[in-house]
Amino acid sequence: MAAPEVWYGAYGTVDGDRLFARLTYNPYFFRQLDDIEKVIAAGTTELQPNLILEKVTPIKASH
């Protein structure tokens, strides 16, 4: 039995009986990395509210 063909698409992509692997670009990757490095450099496990740049409202994926 052959393995089914895998298609690539954004999170939540649905098209009939096709299987989709998630393929996305994170435009905030380097910004997130910078924030993580700032927290690590601070050397504390306490919350650092001054490092929060902006509030982001998540969007719901459509299925």
N, C-alpha and C. Protein backbone atom coordinates (compact mmCIF):
# COMPACT_ATOMS: atom_id res chain seq x y z
N MET A 1 0.85 -1.18 0.00
CA MET A 1 0.00 0.00 0.00
C MET A 1 0.90 1.24 0.00
N ALA A 2 0.70 2.12 -0.95
CA ALA A 2 1.50 3.34 -1.06
C ALA A 2 1.02 4.38 -0.05
N ALA A 3 1.97 5.16 0.43
CA ALA A 3 1.64 6.25 1.35
C ALA A 3 0.87 7.33 0.59
N PRO A 4 -0.08 7.98 1.26
CA PRO A 4 -0.83 9.04 0.57
C PRO A 4 0.07 10.24 0.27
N GLU A 5 -0.28 10.95 -0.81
CA GLU A 5 0.48 12.14 -1.17
C GLU A 5 0.21 13.24 -0.16
N VAL A 6 1.25 13.96 0.24
CA VAL A 6 1.10 15.05 1.20
C VAL A 6 1.22 16.38 0.48
N TRP A 7 0.24 17.25 0.72
CA TRP A 7 0.23 18.59 0.16
C TRP A 7 0.70 19.55 1.25
N TYR A 8 1.18 20.72 0.86
CA TYR A 8 1.63 21.71 1.83
C TYR A 8 0.73 22.93 1.77
N GLY A 9 0.37 23.46 2.93
CA GLY A 9 -0.50 24.62 2.97
C GLY A 9 -0.43 25.31 4.32
N ALA A 10 -1.06 26.46 4.40
CA ALA A 10 -1.12 27.22 5.64
C ALA A 10 -1.94 26.47 6.68
N TYR A 11 -1.77 26.84 7.93
CA TYR A 11 -2.52 26.22 9.03
C TYR A 11 -4.01 26.27 8.72
N GLY A 12 -4.66 25.15 8.86
CA GLY A 12 -6.11 25.08 8.65
C GLY A 12 -6.53 24.81 7.22
N THR A 13 -5.59 24.60 6.30
CA THR A 13 -5.95 24.34 4.91
C THR A 13 -6.68 23.00 4.80
N VAL A 14 -7.83 23.02 4.16
CA VAL A 14 -8.63 21.81 3.98
C VAL A 14 -9.09 21.79 2.52
N ASP A 15 -8.96 20.63 1.87
CA ASP A 15 -9.39 20.50 0.49
C ASP A 15 -9.73 19.04 0.24
N GLY A 16 -10.97 18.70 0.46
CA GLY A 16 -11.41 17.33 0.22
C GLY A 16 -10.69 16.31 1.09
N ASP A 17 -10.19 15.26 0.45
CA ASP A 17 -9.53 14.17 1.17
C ASP A 17 -8.01 14.31 1.20
N ARG A 18 -7.48 15.41 0.74
CA ARG A 18 -6.02 15.60 0.72
C ARG A 18 -5.48 15.82 2.12
N LEU A 19 -4.28 15.30 2.35
CA LEU A 19 -3.58 15.53 3.62
C LEU A 19 -2.66 16.73 3.45
N PHE A 20 -2.70 17.67 4.40
CA PHE A 20 -1.87 18.86 4.32
C PHE A 20 -0.90 18.92 5.48
N ALA A 21 0.35 19.23 5.17
CA ALA A 21 1.36 19.50 6.19
C ALA A 21 1.42 21.02 6.33
N ARG A 22 1.59 21.46 7.55
CA ARG A 22 1.62 22.91 7.80
C ARG A 22 2.90 23.51 7.23
N LEU A 23 2.75 24.57 6.48
CA LEU A 23 3.88 25.27 5.89
C LEU A 23 3.61 26.76 6.04
N THR A 24 4.27 27.37 7.02
CA THR A 24 4.03 28.79 7.26
C THR A 24 5.33 29.51 7.52
N TYR A 25 5.29 30.78 7.31
CA TYR A 25 6.42 31.66 7.60
C TYR A 25 6.03 32.51 8.80
N ASN A 26 6.90 32.58 9.79
CA ASN A 26 6.63 33.37 10.97
C ASN A 26 7.34 34.72 10.83
N PRO A 27 6.59 35.76 10.47
CA PRO A 27 7.23 37.07 10.27
C PRO A 27 7.76 37.67 11.56
N TYR A 28 7.37 37.11 12.71
CA TYR A 28 7.80 37.64 14.00
C TYR A 28 8.94 36.83 14.60
N PHE A 29 9.52 35.88 13.86
CA PHE A 29 10.53 34.98 14.41
C PHE A 29 11.70 35.74 15.04
N PHE A 30 12.31 36.65 14.30
CA PHE A 30 13.49 37.33 14.82
C PHE A 30 13.14 38.28 15.96
N ARG A 31 11.96 38.86 15.90
CA ARG A 31 11.50 39.71 17.01
C ARG A 31 11.31 38.87 18.27
N GLN A 32 10.71 37.70 18.13
CA GLN A 32 10.53 36.80 19.26
C GLN A 32 11.87 36.34 19.80
N LEU A 33 12.79 36.04 18.90
CA LEU A 33 14.12 35.62 19.31
C LEU A 33 14.81 36.72 20.12
N ASP A 34 14.70 37.97 19.67
CA ASP A 34 15.28 39.09 20.41
C ASP A 34 14.67 39.20 21.81
N ASP A 35 13.35 39.03 21.91
CA ASP A 35 12.69 39.10 23.22
C ASP A 35 13.17 37.99 24.13
N ILE A 36 13.31 36.79 23.59
CA ILE A 36 13.79 35.65 24.39
C ILE A 36 15.20 35.91 24.90
N GLU A 37 16.05 36.45 24.01
CA GLU A 37 17.43 36.75 24.42
C GLU A 37 17.47 37.83 25.49
N LYS A 38 16.57 38.81 25.45
CA LYS A 38 16.51 39.85 26.49
C LYS A 38 16.14 39.25 27.84
N VAL A 39 15.18 38.34 27.83
CA VAL A 39 14.75 37.70 29.08
C VAL A 39 15.89 36.87 29.66
N ILE A 40 16.57 36.11 28.81
CA ILE A 40 17.69 35.29 29.27
C ILE A 40 18.81 36.17 29.81
N ALA A 41 19.10 37.26 29.11
CA ALA A 41 20.17 38.16 29.54
C ALA A 41 19.83 38.84 30.87
N ALA A 42 18.55 39.01 31.16
CA ALA A 42 18.14 39.63 32.41
C ALA A 42 18.49 38.74 33.60
N GLY A 43 18.65 37.43 33.35
CA GLY A 43 19.08 36.51 34.40
C GLY A 43 18.10 36.34 35.54
N THR A 44 16.83 36.45 35.27
CA THR A 44 15.83 36.30 36.31
C THR A 44 14.69 35.43 35.81
N THR A 45 14.02 34.79 36.75
CA THR A 45 12.86 33.98 36.37
C THR A 45 11.56 34.76 36.62
N GLU A 46 11.69 35.98 37.12
CA GLU A 46 10.50 36.80 37.37
C GLU A 46 10.02 37.41 36.05
N LEU A 47 8.72 37.67 35.99
CA LEU A 47 8.15 38.28 34.80
C LEU A 47 8.74 39.67 34.58
N GLN A 48 8.96 40.01 33.35
CA GLN A 48 9.49 41.32 32.98
C GLN A 48 8.45 42.03 32.12
N PRO A 49 7.44 42.66 32.71
CA PRO A 49 6.38 43.28 31.91
C PRO A 49 6.88 44.38 30.98
N ASN A 50 8.03 44.97 31.27
CA ASN A 50 8.55 46.02 30.41
C ASN A 50 9.08 45.47 29.09
N LEU A 51 9.20 44.14 28.96
CA LEU A 51 9.67 43.54 27.72
C LEU A 51 8.54 43.23 26.75
N ILE A 52 7.29 43.41 27.20
CA ILE A 52 6.15 43.16 26.33
C ILE A 52 6.03 44.33 25.37
N LEU A 53 6.12 44.07 24.08
CA LEU A 53 6.12 45.13 23.08
C LEU A 53 4.71 45.56 22.69
N GLU A 54 3.82 44.59 22.57
CA GLU A 54 2.46 44.92 22.20
C GLU A 54 1.56 43.73 22.50
N LYS A 55 0.29 44.00 22.68
CA LYS A 55 -0.67 42.94 22.89
C LYS A 55 -1.14 42.46 21.52
N VAL A 56 -1.12 41.15 21.31
CA VAL A 56 -1.54 40.57 20.03
C VAL A 56 -2.78 39.71 20.28
N THR A 57 -3.81 39.95 19.49
CA THR A 57 -5.03 39.16 19.59
C THR A 57 -4.96 38.02 18.59
N PRO A 58 -4.99 36.77 19.08
CA PRO A 58 -4.90 35.64 18.15
C PRO A 58 -6.16 35.54 17.28
N ILE A 59 -5.97 35.03 16.07
CA ILE A 59 -7.10 34.81 15.19
C ILE A 59 -7.44 33.33 15.18
N LYS A 60 -8.69 33.01 14.98
CA LYS A 60 -9.13 31.62 14.95
C LYS A 60 -8.95 31.09 13.53
N ALA A 61 -8.42 29.90 13.43
CA ALA A 61 -8.26 29.25 12.13
C ALA A 61 -9.62 28.76 11.66
N SER A 62 -9.91 28.93 10.39
CA SER A 62 -11.16 28.42 9.85
C SER A 62 -10.93 27.00 9.34
N HIS A 63 -11.84 26.13 9.65
CA HIS A 63 -11.72 24.73 9.22
C HIS A 63 -12.83 24.39 8.27
